[in-house]
Every structure is written in C-alpha cells, then in structure tokens.
Amino acid sequence: MKQPLLHNKTAATFNSEYHFQVGVAVLLTKIGLFFVFNN
C-alpha cells in the first residue's frame, strides 16, 4: 500500500527538479545570447 504513495512523491520531486533545471537552462541560454549579441 505504501508503494504508490512513494512513487507519487518521487515523481513529484523529479518533476519539480526537472522544471527547476529547465528554468536554469533557459536562464543561462538567455544570458549567453545576451553576451553574444552585445559583443
């Protein structure tokens, strides 16, 4: 009975970490493009 709960918690944690990494990647990409276009 505990397995589905554990799976859902793990999925939620993975989802939030995934969105965080995507946000960081987008931010770094924007910063990189900013420097490229200003040089």
C-alpha atoms as a PDB file:
ATOM      1  CA  MET A   1       0.000   0.000   0.000  1.00  0.00           C
ATOM      2  CA  LYS A   2       2.930   2.348   0.584  1.00  0.00           C
ATOM      3  CA  GLN A   3       4.477   1.817  -2.842  1.00  0.00           C
ATOM      4  CA  PRO A   4       2.077   4.061  -4.856  1.00  0.00           C
ATOM      5  CA  LEU A   5       2.493   6.893  -2.324  1.00  0.00           C
ATOM      6  CA  LEU A   6       6.268   6.612  -2.507  1.00  0.00           C
ATOM      7  CA  HIS A   7       6.113   6.545  -6.299  1.00  0.00           C
ATOM      8  CA  ASN A   8       3.922   9.661  -6.396  1.00  0.00           C
ATOM      9  CA  LYS A   9       6.233  11.523  -4.030  1.00  0.00           C
ATOM     10  CA  THR A  10       9.260  10.551  -6.112  1.00  0.00           C
ATOM     11  CA  ALA A  11       7.517  11.613  -9.319  1.00  0.00           C
ATOM     12  CA  ALA A  12       6.559  14.971  -7.807  1.00  0.00           C
ATOM     13  CA  THR A  13      10.118  15.561  -6.610  1.00  0.00           C
ATOM     14  CA  PHE A  14      11.527  14.603 -10.009  1.00  0.00           C
ATOM     15  CA  ASN A  15       9.002  16.868 -11.746  1.00  0.00           C
ATOM     16  CA  SER A  16       9.893  19.901  -9.620  1.00  0.00           C
ATOM     17  CA  GLU A  17      13.637  19.266 -10.056  1.00  0.00           C
ATOM     18  CA  TYR A  18      13.121  18.872 -13.819  1.00  0.00           C
ATOM     19  CA  HIS A  19      11.265  22.185 -14.078  1.00  0.00           C
ATOM     20  CA  PHE A  20      13.960  23.860 -11.968  1.00  0.00           C
ATOM     21  CA  GLN A  21      16.725  22.560 -14.246  1.00  0.00           C
ATOM     22  CA  VAL A  22      14.811  23.663 -17.339  1.00  0.00           C
ATOM     23  CA  GLY A  23      14.392  27.139 -15.835  1.00  0.00           C
ATOM     24  CA  VAL A  24      18.121  27.374 -15.106  1.00  0.00           C
ATOM     25  CA  ALA A  25      18.981  26.157 -18.609  1.00  0.00           C
ATOM     26  CA  VAL A  26      16.679  28.762 -20.187  1.00  0.00           C
ATOM     27  CA  LEU A  27      18.143  31.490 -17.992  1.00  0.00           C
ATOM     28  CA  LEU A  28      21.721  30.525 -18.899  1.00  0.00           C
ATOM     29  CA  THR A  29      20.768  30.409 -22.580  1.00  0.00           C
ATOM     30  CA  LYS A  30      19.300  33.917 -22.402  1.00  0.00           C
ATOM     31  CA  ILE A  31      22.417  35.215 -20.631  1.00  0.00           C
ATOM     32  CA  GLY A  32      24.627  33.525 -23.229  1.00  0.00           C
ATOM     33  CA  LEU A  33      22.671  35.028 -26.134  1.00  0.00           C
ATOM     34  CA  PHE A  34      22.767  38.423 -24.407  1.00  0.00           C
ATOM     35  CA  PHE A  35      26.578  38.371 -24.305  1.00  0.00           C
ATOM     36  CA  VAL A  36      26.835  37.018 -27.864  1.00  0.00           C
ATOM     37  CA  PHE A  37      24.684  39.796 -29.313  1.00  0.00           C
ATOM     38  CA  ASN A  38      26.428  42.504 -27.300  1.00  0.00           C
ATOM     39  CA  ASN A  39      29.947  41.550 -28.402  1.00  0.00           C
END
